[in-house]
Amino acid sequence: MARIISYIIISTFGLYSTVLFGIPVTISSDSGKYSSTKTQQLQINGKVIDKVTGETIPFCNIGNASSSWGTSSNELGEFVIQLDSLPAKLIFSHINYNKYVAKITQTGNIVVELTLSLIHI
């Protein structure tokens, strides 16, 4: 009975750590102990602006070309994205602007300038 309760508590901790903190947990069956397998992530902060006017572009989609993860800029055009490694390619897209691919080689703050998409009807 004690062994089952211990397993449920460890399993519940593993579930909550993944859901709440994004930290995968490995449970060893022989000792009942757990260990974190979290990898070091690099943070990129930035702002997306219009190349001509300099105005910020809210709600721009930002994706990592080497994974399915991404983010979007907030109402002030600011964003934060976590990367596993460098160099990385970030894809910036917005319905009113041309898509832009930026090669990121170092962490820090970046400013991305997008050009307005001209669609003729």
PDB file of N, CA and C in Angstrom:
ATOM      1  N   MET A   1       0.818  -1.199   0.000  1.00  0.00           N
ATOM      2  CA  MET A   1       0.000   0.000   0.000  1.00  0.00           C
ATOM      3  C   MET A   1       0.862   1.263   0.000  1.00  0.00           C
ATOM      4  N   ALA A   2       1.927   1.278   0.797  1.00  0.00           N
ATOM      5  CA  ALA A   2       2.804   2.449   0.861  1.00  0.00           C
ATOM      6  C   ALA A   2       3.497   2.677  -0.470  1.00  0.00           C
ATOM      7  N   ARG A   3       3.839   1.626  -1.170  1.00  0.00           N
ATOM      8  CA  ARG A   3       4.522   1.749  -2.455  1.00  0.00           C
ATOM      9  C   ARG A   3       3.609   2.407  -3.492  1.00  0.00           C
ATOM     10  N   ILE A   4       2.341   2.071  -3.519  1.00  0.00           N
ATOM     11  CA  ILE A   4       1.392   2.659  -4.466  1.00  0.00           C
ATOM     12  C   ILE A   4       1.188   4.137  -4.153  1.00  0.00           C
ATOM     13  N   ILE A   5       1.051   4.500  -2.914  1.00  0.00           N
ATOM     14  CA  ILE A   5       0.869   5.904  -2.534  1.00  0.00           C
ATOM     15  C   ILE A   5       2.096   6.711  -2.927  1.00  0.00           C
ATOM     16  N   SER A   6       3.285   6.170  -2.681  1.00  0.00           N
ATOM     17  CA  SER A   6       4.519   6.859  -3.065  1.00  0.00           C
ATOM     18  C   SER A   6       4.567   7.088  -4.568  1.00  0.00           C
ATOM     19  N   TYR A   7       4.184   6.109  -5.347  1.00  0.00           N
ATOM     20  CA  TYR A   7       4.190   6.225  -6.800  1.00  0.00           C
ATOM     21  C   TYR A   7       3.207   7.294  -7.269  1.00  0.00           C
ATOM     22  N   ILE A   8       2.038   7.337  -6.665  1.00  0.00           N
ATOM     23  CA  ILE A   8       1.034   8.330  -7.047  1.00  0.00           C
ATOM     24  C   ILE A   8       1.536   9.735  -6.731  1.00  0.00           C
ATOM     25  N   ILE A   9       2.160   9.925  -5.598  1.00  0.00           N
ATOM     26  CA  ILE A   9       2.685  11.250  -5.235  1.00  0.00           C
ATOM     27  C   ILE A   9       3.779  11.669  -6.212  1.00  0.00           C
ATOM     28  N   ILE A  10       4.699  10.786  -6.529  1.00  0.00           N
ATOM     29  CA  ILE A  10       5.775  11.115  -7.473  1.00  0.00           C
ATOM     30  C   ILE A  10       5.201  11.386  -8.858  1.00  0.00           C
ATOM     31  N   SER A  11       4.252  10.583  -9.298  1.00  0.00           N
ATOM     32  CA  SER A  11       3.635  10.791 -10.608  1.00  0.00           C
ATOM     33  C   SER A  11       2.909  12.122 -10.656  1.00  0.00           C
ATOM     34  N   THR A  12       2.204  12.454  -9.599  1.00  0.00           N
ATOM     35  CA  THR A  12       1.488  13.719  -9.548  1.00  0.00           C
ATOM     36  C   THR A  12       2.474  14.876  -9.599  1.00  0.00           C
ATOM     37  N   PHE A  13       3.591  14.780  -8.900  1.00  0.00           N
ATOM     38  CA  PHE A  13       4.607  15.834  -8.955  1.00  0.00           C
ATOM     39  C   PHE A  13       5.146  15.985 -10.371  1.00  0.00           C
ATOM     40  N   GLY A  14       5.412  14.860 -11.026  1.00  0.00           N
ATOM     41  CA  GLY A  14       5.907  14.903 -12.403  1.00  0.00           C
ATOM     42  C   GLY A  14       4.926  15.584 -13.332  1.00  0.00           C
ATOM     43  N   LEU A  15       3.653  15.290 -13.196  1.00  0.00           N
ATOM     44  CA  LEU A  15       2.624  15.905 -14.026  1.00  0.00           C
ATOM     45  C   LEU A  15       2.571  17.405 -13.780  1.00  0.00           C
ATOM     46  N   TYR A  16       2.540  17.812 -12.510  1.00  0.00           N
ATOM     47  CA  TYR A  16       2.442  19.234 -12.211  1.00  0.00           C
ATOM     48  C   TYR A  16       3.692  19.990 -12.609  1.00  0.00           C
ATOM     49  N   SER A  17       4.862  19.390 -12.473  1.00  0.00           N
ATOM     50  CA  SER A  17       6.072  20.107 -12.861  1.00  0.00           C
ATOM     51  C   SER A  17       6.103  20.335 -14.360  1.00  0.00           C
ATOM     52  N   THR A  18       5.580  19.399 -15.144  1.00  0.00           N
ATOM     53  CA  THR A  18       5.546  19.584 -16.588  1.00  0.00           C
ATOM     54  C   THR A  18       4.488  20.615 -16.973  1.00  0.00           C
ATOM     55  N   VAL A  19       3.316  20.535 -16.366  1.00  0.00           N
ATOM     56  CA  VAL A  19       2.231  21.449 -16.714  1.00  0.00           C
ATOM     57  C   VAL A  19       2.506  22.862 -16.225  1.00  0.00           C
ATOM     58  N   LEU A  20       2.925  23.009 -14.978  1.00  0.00           N
ATOM     59  CA  LEU A  20       3.092  24.339 -14.409  1.00  0.00           C
ATOM     60  C   LEU A  20       4.429  24.985 -14.756  1.00  0.00           C
ATOM     61  N   PHE A  21       5.492  24.200 -14.810  1.00  0.00           N
ATOM     62  CA  PHE A  21       6.816  24.777 -14.964  1.00  0.00           C
ATOM     63  C   PHE A  21       7.476  24.423 -16.286  1.00  0.00           C
ATOM     64  N   GLY A  22       6.922  23.516 -17.064  1.00  0.00           N
ATOM     65  CA  GLY A  22       7.515  23.112 -18.322  1.00  0.00           C
ATOM     66  C   GLY A  22       8.810  22.339 -18.139  1.00  0.00           C
ATOM     67  N   ILE A  23       8.973  21.671 -16.999  1.00  0.00           N
ATOM     68  CA  ILE A  23      10.188  20.915 -16.716  1.00  0.00           C
ATOM     69  C   ILE A  23       9.861  19.428 -16.802  1.00  0.00           C
ATOM     70  N   PRO A  24      10.381  18.721 -17.811  1.00  0.00           N
ATOM     71  CA  PRO A  24      10.132  17.288 -17.870  1.00  0.00           C
ATOM     72  C   PRO A  24      10.824  16.577 -16.717  1.00  0.00           C
ATOM     73  N   VAL A  25      10.171  15.553 -16.186  1.00  0.00           N
ATOM     74  CA  VAL A  25      10.708  14.822 -15.048  1.00  0.00           C
ATOM     75  C   VAL A  25      10.831  13.363 -15.422  1.00  0.00           C
ATOM     76  N   THR A  26      11.970  12.758 -15.087  1.00  0.00           N
ATOM     77  CA  THR A  26      12.193  11.339 -15.305  1.00  0.00           C
ATOM     78  C   THR A  26      12.105  10.636 -13.964  1.00  0.00           C
ATOM     79  N   ILE A  27      11.279   9.597 -13.885  1.00  0.00           N
ATOM     80  CA  ILE A  27      11.132   8.843 -12.647  1.00  0.00           C
ATOM     81  C   ILE A  27      11.869   7.527 -12.814  1.00  0.00           C
ATOM     82  N   SER A  28      12.777   7.257 -11.907  1.00  0.00           N
ATOM     83  CA  SER A  28      13.538   6.010 -11.926  1.00  0.00           C
ATOM     84  C   SER A  28      12.730   4.949 -11.206  1.00  0.00           C
ATOM     85  N   SER A  29      12.477   3.813 -11.858  1.00  0.00           N
ATOM     86  CA  SER A  29      11.630   2.782 -11.279  1.00  0.00           C
ATOM     87  C   SER A  29      12.313   2.034 -10.141  1.00  0.00           C
ATOM     88  N   ASP A  30      13.636   1.969 -10.136  1.00  0.00           N
ATOM     89  CA  ASP A  30      14.309   1.196  -9.096  1.00  0.00           C
ATOM     90  C   ASP A  30      14.439   1.951  -7.784  1.00  0.00           C
ATOM     91  N   SER A  31      14.576   3.267  -7.804  1.00  0.00           N
ATOM     92  CA  SER A  31      14.768   3.996  -6.553  1.00  0.00           C
ATOM     93  C   SER A  31      13.586   4.881  -6.193  1.00  0.00           C
ATOM     94  N   GLY A  32      12.689   5.121  -7.130  1.00  0.00           N
ATOM     95  CA  GLY A  32      11.556   5.985  -6.850  1.00  0.00           C
ATOM     96  C   GLY A  32      11.910   7.456  -6.843  1.00  0.00           C
ATOM     97  N   LYS A  33      13.128   7.804  -7.260  1.00  0.00           N
ATOM     98  CA  LYS A  33      13.558   9.199  -7.277  1.00  0.00           C
ATOM     99  C   LYS A  33      13.288   9.802  -8.645  1.00  0.00           C
ATOM    100  N   TYR A  34      13.261  11.113  -8.698  1.00  0.00           N
ATOM    101  CA  TYR A  34      13.035  11.814  -9.946  1.00  0.00           C
ATOM    102  C   TYR A  34      14.217  12.730 -10.229  1.00  0.00           C
ATOM    103  N   SER A  35      14.389  13.072 -11.514  1.00  0.00           N
ATOM    104  CA  SER A  35      15.437  14.010 -11.888  1.00  0.00           C
ATOM    105  C   SER A  35      14.937  14.889 -13.018  1.00  0.00           C
ATOM    106  N   SER A  36      15.403  16.112 -13.037  1.00  0.00           N
ATOM    107  CA  SER A  36      14.995  17.063 -14.067  1.00  0.00           C
ATOM    108  C   SER A  36      15.875  16.898 -15.299  1.00  0.00           C
ATOM    109  N   THR A  37      15.249  16.979 -16.494  1.00  0.00           N
ATOM    110  CA  THR A  37      16.005  16.893 -17.745  1.00  0.00           C
ATOM    111  C   THR A  37      15.901  18.211 -18.513  1.00  0.00           C
ATOM    112  N   LYS A  38      15.719  19.309 -17.793  1.00  0.00           N
ATOM    113  CA  LYS A  38      15.572  20.622 -18.418  1.00  0.00           C
ATOM    114  C   LYS A  38      16.888  21.042 -19.072  1.00  0.00           C
ATOM    115  N   THR A  39      16.800  21.591 -20.275  1.00  0.00           N
ATOM    116  CA  THR A  39      17.989  22.061 -20.970  1.00  0.00           C
ATOM    117  C   THR A  39      18.080  23.581 -20.857  1.00  0.00           C
ATOM    118  N   GLN A  40      19.290  24.092 -21.004  1.00  0.00           N
ATOM    119  CA  GLN A  40      19.529  25.537 -20.958  1.00  0.00           C
ATOM    120  C   GLN A  40      18.871  26.193 -22.160  1.00  0.00           C
ATOM    121  N   GLN A  41      18.084  27.236 -21.939  1.00  0.00           N
ATOM    122  CA  GLN A  41      17.467  27.947 -23.045  1.00  0.00           C
ATOM    123  C   GLN A  41      17.998  29.367 -23.099  1.00  0.00           C
ATOM    124  N   LEU A  42      18.070  29.885 -24.314  1.00  0.00           N
ATOM    125  CA  LEU A  42      18.572  31.228 -24.554  1.00  0.00           C
ATOM    126  C   LEU A  42      17.399  32.155 -24.816  1.00  0.00           C
ATOM    127  N   GLN A  43      17.425  33.332 -24.235  1.00  0.00           N
ATOM    128  CA  GLN A  43      16.299  34.262 -24.358  1.00  0.00           C
ATOM    129  C   GLN A  43      16.635  35.398 -25.316  1.00  0.00           C
ATOM    130  N   ILE A  44      15.725  35.642 -26.235  1.00  0.00           N
ATOM    131  CA  ILE A  44      15.827  36.761 -27.168  1.00  0.00           C
ATOM    132  C   ILE A  44      14.670  37.711 -26.874  1.00  0.00           C
ATOM    133  N   ASN A  45      14.989  38.967 -26.618  1.00  0.00           N
ATOM    134  CA  ASN A  45      13.977  40.016 -26.424  1.00  0.00           C
ATOM    135  C   ASN A  45      13.990  40.897 -27.658  1.00  0.00           C
ATOM    136  N   GLY A  46      12.849  41.442 -28.014  1.00  0.00           N
ATOM    137  CA  GLY A  46      12.854  42.310 -29.171  1.00  0.00           C
ATOM    138  C   GLY A  46      11.588  43.118 -29.344  1.00  0.00           C
ATOM    139  N   LYS A  47      11.601  43.883 -30.427  1.00  0.00           N
ATOM    140  CA  LYS A  47      10.472  44.729 -30.797  1.00  0.00           C
ATOM    141  C   LYS A  47      10.321  44.666 -32.302  1.00  0.00           C
ATOM    142  N   VAL A  48       9.079  44.630 -32.775  1.00  0.00           N
ATOM    143  CA  VAL A  48       8.783  44.601 -34.204  1.00  0.00           C
ATOM    144  C   VAL A  48       8.201  45.955 -34.583  1.00  0.00           C
ATOM    145  N   ILE A  49       8.820  46.600 -35.615  1.00  0.00           N
ATOM    146  CA  ILE A  49       8.365  47.928 -36.033  1.00  0.00           C
ATOM    147  C   ILE A  49       8.170  47.986 -37.545  1.00  0.00           C
ATOM    148  N   ASP A  50       7.408  48.983 -37.982  1.00  0.00           N
ATOM    149  CA  ASP A  50       7.226  49.266 -39.400  1.00  0.00           C
ATOM    150  C   ASP A  50       8.482  49.966 -39.908  1.00  0.00           C
ATOM    151  N   LYS A  51       9.040  49.471 -41.015  1.00  0.00           N
ATOM    152  CA  LYS A  51      10.304  50.015 -41.531  1.00  0.00           C
ATOM    153  C   LYS A  51      10.180  51.471 -41.963  1.00  0.00           C
ATOM    154  N   VAL A  52       9.033  51.880 -42.502  1.00  0.00           N
ATOM    155  CA  VAL A  52       8.859  53.244 -43.006  1.00  0.00           C
ATOM    156  C   VAL A  52       8.482  54.222 -41.903  1.00  0.00           C
ATOM    157  N   THR A  53       7.470  53.871 -41.108  1.00  0.00           N
ATOM    158  CA  THR A  53       6.952  54.814 -40.111  1.00  0.00           C
ATOM    159  C   THR A  53       7.627  54.704 -38.749  1.00  0.00           C
ATOM    160  N   GLY A  54       8.225  53.544 -38.453  1.00  0.00           N
ATOM    161  CA  GLY A  54       8.818  53.334 -37.141  1.00  0.00           C
ATOM    162  C   GLY A  54       7.816  52.971 -36.064  1.00  0.00           C
ATOM    163  N   GLU A  55       6.551  52.857 -36.430  1.00  0.00           N
ATOM    164  CA  GLU A  55       5.514  52.475 -35.462  1.00  0.00           C
ATOM    165  C   GLU A  55       5.639  50.998 -35.120  1.00  0.00           C
ATOM    166  N   THR A  56       5.275  50.667 -33.887  1.00  0.00           N
ATOM    167  CA  THR A  56       5.340  49.270 -33.476  1.00  0.00           C
ATOM    168  C   THR A  56       4.251  48.451 -34.168  1.00  0.00           C
ATOM    169  N   ILE A  57       4.522  47.173 -34.356  1.00  0.00           N
ATOM    170  CA  ILE A  57       3.561  46.267 -34.995  1.00  0.00           C
ATOM    171  C   ILE A  57       3.077  45.281 -33.936  1.00  0.00           C
ATOM    172  N   PRO A  58       1.844  45.454 -33.473  1.00  0.00           N
ATOM    173  CA  PRO A  58       1.324  44.536 -32.460  1.00  0.00           C
ATOM    174  C   PRO A  58       0.901  43.202 -33.077  1.00  0.00           C
ATOM    175  N   PHE A  59       0.969  42.165 -32.269  1.00  0.00           N
ATOM    176  CA  PHE A  59       0.450  40.840 -32.602  1.00  0.00           C
ATOM    177  C   PHE A  59       1.085  40.232 -33.855  1.00  0.00           C
ATOM    178  N   CYS A  60       2.376  40.449 -34.010  1.00  0.00           N
ATOM    179  CA  CYS A  60       3.141  39.830 -35.089  1.00  0.00           C
ATOM    180  C   CYS A  60       3.496  38.399 -34.661  1.00  0.00           C
ATOM    181  N   ASN A  61       3.369  37.439 -35.570  1.00  0.00           N
ATOM    182  CA  ASN A  61       3.729  36.048 -35.282  1.00  0.00           C
ATOM    183  C   ASN A  61       5.233  35.874 -35.424  1.00  0.00           C
ATOM    184  N   ILE A  62       5.836  35.197 -34.455  1.00  0.00           N
ATOM    185  CA  ILE A  62       7.274  34.945 -34.465  1.00  0.00           C
ATOM    186  C   ILE A  62       7.480  33.460 -34.237  1.00  0.00           C
ATOM    187  N   GLY A  63       8.071  32.786 -35.228  1.00  0.00           N
ATOM    188  CA  GLY A  63       8.283  31.354 -35.119  1.00  0.00           C
ATOM    189  C   GLY A  63       9.742  30.983 -35.245  1.00  0.00           C
ATOM    190  N   ASN A  64      10.111  29.891 -34.605  1.00  0.00           N
ATOM    191  CA  ASN A  64      11.456  29.343 -34.714  1.00  0.00           C
ATOM    192  C   ASN A  64      11.451  28.379 -35.895  1.00  0.00           C
ATOM    193  N   ALA A  65      12.309  28.605 -36.893  1.00  0.00           N
ATOM    194  CA  ALA A  65      12.317  27.788 -38.106  1.00  0.00           C
ATOM    195  C   ALA A  65      12.685  26.338 -37.844  1.00  0.00           C
ATOM    196  N   SER A  66      13.415  26.060 -36.770  1.00  0.00           N
ATOM    197  CA  SER A  66      13.857  24.692 -36.503  1.00  0.00           C
ATOM    198  C   SER A  66      12.950  23.932 -35.536  1.00  0.00           C
ATOM    199  N   SER A  67      11.833  24.518 -35.139  1.00  0.00           N
ATOM    200  CA  SER A  67      10.900  23.817 -34.247  1.00  0.00           C
ATOM    201  C   SER A  67       9.485  24.332 -34.486  1.00  0.00           C
ATOM    202  N   SER A  68       8.557  23.761 -33.771  1.00  0.00           N
ATOM    203  CA  SER A  68       7.165  24.200 -33.900  1.00  0.00           C
ATOM    204  C   SER A  68       6.807  25.263 -32.867  1.00  0.00           C
ATOM    205  N   TRP A  69       7.767  25.708 -32.067  1.00  0.00           N
ATOM    206  CA  TRP A  69       7.516  26.703 -31.029  1.00  0.00           C
ATOM    207  C   TRP A  69       7.591  28.116 -31.594  1.00  0.00           C
ATOM    208  N   GLY A  70       6.849  28.998 -30.976  1.00  0.00           N
ATOM    209  CA  GLY A  70       6.863  30.387 -31.389  1.00  0.00           C
ATOM    210  C   GLY A  70       6.175  31.256 -30.359  1.00  0.00           C
ATOM    211  N   THR A  71       5.992  32.513 -30.721  1.00  0.00           N
ATOM    212  CA  THR A  71       5.336  33.468 -29.841  1.00  0.00           C
ATOM    213  C   THR A  71       4.725  34.559 -30.707  1.00  0.00           C
ATOM    214  N   SER A  72       4.246  35.598 -30.107  1.00  0.00           N
ATOM    215  CA  SER A  72       3.764  36.754 -30.863  1.00  0.00           C
ATOM    216  C   SER A  72       4.114  38.014 -30.088  1.00  0.00           C
ATOM    217  N   SER A  73       4.196  39.114 -30.814  1.00  0.00           N
ATOM    218  CA  SER A  73       4.481  40.382 -30.140  1.00  0.00           C
ATOM    219  C   SER A  73       3.217  40.855 -29.421  1.00  0.00           C
ATOM    220  N   ASN A  74       3.404  41.600 -28.352  1.00  0.00           N
ATOM    221  CA  ASN A  74       2.256  42.111 -27.603  1.00  0.00           C
ATOM    222  C   ASN A  74       1.708  43.379 -28.268  1.00  0.00           C
ATOM    223  N   GLU A  75       0.827  44.078 -27.599  1.00  0.00           N
ATOM    224  CA  GLU A  75       0.213  45.276 -28.180  1.00  0.00           C
ATOM    225  C   GLU A  75       1.204  46.412 -28.379  1.00  0.00           C
ATOM    226  N   LEU A  76       2.377  46.322 -27.762  1.00  0.00           N
ATOM    227  CA  LEU A  76       3.428  47.330 -27.933  1.00  0.00           C
ATOM    228  C   LEU A  76       4.497  46.881 -28.931  1.00  0.00           C
ATOM    229  N   GLY A  77       4.279  45.741 -29.578  1.00  0.00           N
ATOM    230  CA  GLY A  77       5.235  45.214 -30.545  1.00  0.00           C
ATOM    231  C   GLY A  77       6.407  44.482 -29.918  1.00  0.00           C
ATOM    232  N   GLU A  78       6.391  44.287 -28.608  1.00  0.00           N
ATOM    233  CA  GLU A  78       7.496  43.640 -27.902  1.00  0.00           C
ATOM    234  C   GLU A  78       7.276  42.131 -27.817  1.00  0.00           C
ATOM    235  N   PHE A  79       8.384  41.381 -27.791  1.00  0.00           N
ATOM    236  CA  PHE A  79       8.280  39.929 -27.674  1.00  0.00           C
ATOM    237  C   PHE A  79       9.467  39.365 -26.918  1.00  0.00           C
ATOM    238  N   VAL A  80       9.291  38.150 -26.423  1.00  0.00           N
ATOM    239  CA  VAL A  80      10.348  37.361 -25.799  1.00  0.00           C
ATOM    240  C   VAL A  80      10.191  35.944 -26.335  1.00  0.00           C
ATOM    241  N   ILE A  81      11.295  35.346 -26.779  1.00  0.00           N
ATOM    242  CA  ILE A  81      11.247  33.969 -27.266  1.00  0.00           C
ATOM    243  C   ILE A  81      12.441  33.211 -26.701  1.00  0.00           C
ATOM    244  N   GLN A  82      12.223  31.950 -26.354  1.00  0.00           N
ATOM    245  CA  GLN A  82      13.268  31.077 -25.830  1.00  0.00           C
ATOM    246  C   GLN A  82      13.775  30.185 -26.958  1.00  0.00           C
ATOM    247  N   LEU A  83      15.087  30.073 -27.101  1.00  0.00           N
ATOM    248  CA  LEU A  83      15.699  29.228 -28.118  1.00  0.00           C
ATOM    249  C   LEU A  83      16.574  28.181 -27.445  1.00  0.00           C
ATOM    250  N   ASP A  84      16.659  27.003 -28.076  1.00  0.00           N
ATOM    251  CA  ASP A  84      17.500  25.933 -27.540  1.00  0.00           C
ATOM    252  C   ASP A  84      18.971  26.147 -27.869  1.00  0.00           C
ATOM    253  N   SER A  85      19.254  26.716 -29.045  1.00  0.00           N
ATOM    254  CA  SER A  85      20.642  26.901 -29.451  1.00  0.00           C
ATOM    255  C   SER A  85      20.750  28.025 -30.472  1.00  0.00           C
ATOM    256  N   LEU A  86      21.972  28.483 -30.664  1.00  0.00           N
ATOM    257  CA  LEU A  86      22.276  29.509 -31.657  1.00  0.00           C
ATOM    258  C   LEU A  86      23.300  28.958 -32.635  1.00  0.00           C
ATOM    259  N   PRO A  87      23.347  29.379 -33.865  1.00  0.00           N
ATOM    260  CA  PRO A  87      22.454  30.358 -34.496  1.00  0.00           C
ATOM    261  C   PRO A  87      21.070  29.761 -34.730  1.00  0.00           C
ATOM    262  N   ALA A  88      20.097  30.645 -34.865  1.00  0.00           N
ATOM    263  CA  ALA A  88      18.716  30.235 -35.099  1.00  0.00           C
ATOM    264  C   ALA A  88      18.076  31.178 -36.113  1.00  0.00           C
ATOM    265  N   LYS A  89      17.076  30.680 -36.808  1.00  0.00           N
ATOM    266  CA  LYS A  89      16.313  31.521 -37.736  1.00  0.00           C
ATOM    267  C   LYS A  89      14.928  31.740 -37.159  1.00  0.00           C
ATOM    268  N   LEU A  90      14.561  33.021 -37.047  1.00  0.00           N
ATOM    269  CA  LEU A  90      13.222  33.389 -36.597  1.00  0.00           C
ATOM    270  C   LEU A  90      12.441  33.923 -37.782  1.00  0.00           C
ATOM    271  N   ILE A  91      11.187  33.486 -37.884  1.00  0.00           N
ATOM    272  CA  ILE A  91      10.317  33.910 -38.979  1.00  0.00           C
ATOM    273  C   ILE A  91       9.270  34.861 -38.411  1.00  0.00           C
ATOM    274  N   PHE A  92       9.239  36.077 -38.957  1.00  0.00           N
ATOM    275  CA  PHE A  92       8.288  37.096 -38.523  1.00  0.00           C
ATOM    276  C   PHE A  92       7.218  37.235 -39.599  1.00  0.00           C
ATOM    277  N   SER A  93       5.949  37.092 -39.212  1.00  0.00           N
ATOM    278  CA  SER A  93       4.869  37.221 -40.189  1.00  0.00           C
ATOM    279  C   SER A  93       3.687  37.967 -39.578  1.00  0.00           C
ATOM    280  N   HIS A  94       3.041  38.736 -40.435  1.00  0.00           N
ATOM    281  CA  HIS A  94       1.866  39.522 -40.039  1.00  0.00           C
ATOM    282  C   HIS A  94       0.999  39.662 -41.276  1.00  0.00           C
ATOM    283  N   ILE A  95      -0.295  39.700 -41.113  1.00  0.00           N
ATOM    284  CA  ILE A  95      -1.213  39.724 -42.251  1.00  0.00           C
ATOM    285  C   ILE A  95      -1.001  40.947 -43.147  1.00  0.00           C
ATOM    286  N   ASN A  96      -0.563  42.078 -42.594  1.00  0.00           N
ATOM    287  CA  ASN A  96      -0.394  43.311 -43.378  1.00  0.00           C
ATOM    288  C   ASN A  96       1.037  43.557 -43.857  1.00  0.00           C
ATOM    289  N   TYR A  97       1.964  42.655 -43.504  1.00  0.00           N
ATOM    290  CA  TYR A  97       3.377  42.887 -43.802  1.00  0.00           C
ATOM    291  C   TYR A  97       4.000  41.691 -44.513  1.00  0.00           C
ATOM    292  N   ASN A  98       5.105  41.946 -45.213  1.00  0.00           N
ATOM    293  CA  ASN A  98       5.853  40.868 -45.852  1.00  0.00           C
ATOM    294  C   ASN A  98       6.560  40.032 -44.793  1.00  0.00           C
ATOM    295  N   LYS A  99       6.656  38.723 -45.044  1.00  0.00           N
ATOM    296  CA  LYS A  99       7.347  37.822 -44.128  1.00  0.00           C
ATOM    297  C   LYS A  99       8.841  38.167 -44.114  1.00  0.00           C
ATOM    298  N   TYR A 100       9.443  38.053 -42.938  1.00  0.00           N
ATOM    299  CA  TYR A 100      10.866  38.357 -42.786  1.00  0.00           C
ATOM    300  C   TYR A 100      11.531  37.247 -41.978  1.00  0.00           C
ATOM    301  N   VAL A 101      12.675  36.767 -42.438  1.00  0.00           N
ATOM    302  CA  VAL A 101      13.439  35.739 -41.725  1.00  0.00           C
ATOM    303  C   VAL A 101      14.722  36.376 -41.205  1.00  0.00           C
ATOM    304  N   ALA A 102      14.933  36.284 -39.905  1.00  0.00           N
ATOM    305  CA  ALA A 102      16.124  36.868 -39.273  1.00  0.00           C
ATOM    306  C   ALA A 102      17.007  35.756 -38.729  1.00  0.00           C
ATOM    307  N   LYS A 103      18.304  35.840 -39.018  1.00  0.00           N
ATOM    308  CA  LYS A 103      19.261  34.890 -38.463  1.00  0.00           C
ATOM    309  C   LYS A 103      19.793  35.486 -37.158  1.00  0.00           C
ATOM    310  N   ILE A 104      19.580  34.762 -36.074  1.00  0.00           N
ATOM    311  CA  ILE A 104      19.981  35.218 -34.744  1.00  0.00           C
ATOM    312  C   ILE A 104      21.263  34.480 -34.355  1.00  0.00           C
ATOM    313  N   THR A 105      22.316  35.235 -34.037  1.00  0.00           N
ATOM    314  CA  THR A 105      23.595  34.620 -33.688  1.00  0.00           C
ATOM    315  C   THR A 105      24.007  34.855 -32.238  1.00  0.00           C
ATOM    316  N   GLN A 106      23.296  35.755 -31.533  1.00  0.00           N
ATOM    317  CA  GLN A 106      23.624  36.003 -30.131  1.00  0.00           C
ATOM    318  C   GLN A 106      22.372  36.416 -29.370  1.00  0.00           C
ATOM    319  N   THR A 107      22.407  36.235 -28.063  1.00  0.00           N
ATOM    320  CA  THR A 107      21.271  36.630 -27.235  1.00  0.00           C
ATOM    321  C   THR A 107      21.280  38.138 -27.051  1.00  0.00           C
ATOM    322  N   GLY A 108      20.158  38.656 -26.598  1.00  0.00           N
ATOM    323  CA  GLY A 108      20.069  40.098 -26.355  1.00  0.00           C
ATOM    324  C   GLY A 108      18.805  40.677 -26.943  1.00  0.00           C
ATOM    325  N   ASN A 109      18.811  41.979 -27.126  1.00  0.00           N
ATOM    326  CA  ASN A 109      17.663  42.703 -27.668  1.00  0.00           C
ATOM    327  C   ASN A 109      17.841  42.937 -29.161  1.00  0.00           C
ATOM    328  N   ILE A 110      16.764  42.734 -29.911  1.00  0.00           N
ATOM    329  CA  ILE A 110      16.804  42.996 -31.350  1.00  0.00           C
ATOM    330  C   ILE A 110      15.604  43.850 -31.743  1.00  0.00           C
ATOM    331  N   VAL A 111      15.741  44.574 -32.834  1.00  0.00           N
ATOM    332  CA  VAL A 111      14.638  45.330 -33.424  1.00  0.00           C
ATOM    333  C   VAL A 111      14.471  44.807 -34.843  1.00  0.00           C
ATOM    334  N   VAL A 112      13.258  44.386 -35.173  1.00  0.00           N
ATOM    335  CA  VAL A 112      12.964  43.825 -36.488  1.00  0.00           C
ATOM    336  C   VAL A 112      12.069  44.806 -37.229  1.00  0.00           C
ATOM    337  N   GLU A 113      12.471  45.169 -38.451  1.00  0.00           N
ATOM    338  CA  GLU A 113      11.704  46.107 -39.273  1.00  0.00           C
ATOM    339  C   GLU A 113      11.005  45.338 -40.389  1.00  0.00           C
ATOM    340  N   LEU A 114       9.687  45.459 -40.450  1.00  0.00           N
ATOM    341  CA  LEU A 114       8.909  44.807 -41.492  1.00  0.00           C
ATOM    342  C   LEU A 114       8.425  45.833 -42.505  1.00  0.00           C
ATOM    343  N   THR A 115       8.304  45.401 -43.768  1.00  0.00           N
ATOM    344  CA  THR A 115       7.794  46.282 -44.819  1.00  0.00           C
ATOM    345  C   THR A 115       6.341  45.936 -45.121  1.00  0.00           C
ATOM    346  N   LEU A 116       5.564  46.965 -45.358  1.00  0.00           N
ATOM    347  CA  LEU A 116       4.141  46.812 -45.636  1.00  0.00           C
ATOM    348  C   LEU A 116       3.938  46.007 -46.915  1.00  0.00           C
ATOM    349  N   SER A 117       2.999  45.085 -46.874  1.00  0.00           N
ATOM    350  CA  SER A 117       2.683  44.259 -48.036  1.00  0.00           C
ATOM    351  C   SER A 117       1.720  45.029 -48.934  1.00  0.00           C
ATOM    352  N   LEU A 118       2.086  45.166 -50.193  1.00  0.00           N
ATOM    353  CA  LEU A 118       1.228  45.884 -51.142  1.00  0.00           C
ATOM    354  C   LEU A 118       0.475  44.862 -51.982  1.00  0.00           C
ATOM    355  N   ILE A 119      -0.812  44.772 -51.753  1.00  0.00           N
ATOM    356  CA  ILE A 119      -1.655  43.829 -52.499  1.00  0.00           C
ATOM    357  C   ILE A 119      -2.563  44.637 -53.396  1.00  0.00           C
ATOM    358  N   HIS A 120      -2.488  44.367 -54.708  1.00  0.00           N
ATOM    359  CA  HIS A 120      -3.345  45.062 -55.675  1.00  0.00           C
ATOM    360  C   HIS A 120      -4.549  44.205 -55.989  1.00  0.00           C
ATOM    361  N   ILE A 121      -5.701  44.826 -55.938  1.00  0.00           N
ATOM    362  CA  ILE A 121      -6.939  44.097 -56.240  1.00  0.00           C
ATOM    363  C   ILE A 121      -7.469  44.540 -57.593  1.00  0.00           C
TER     364      ILE A 121
END
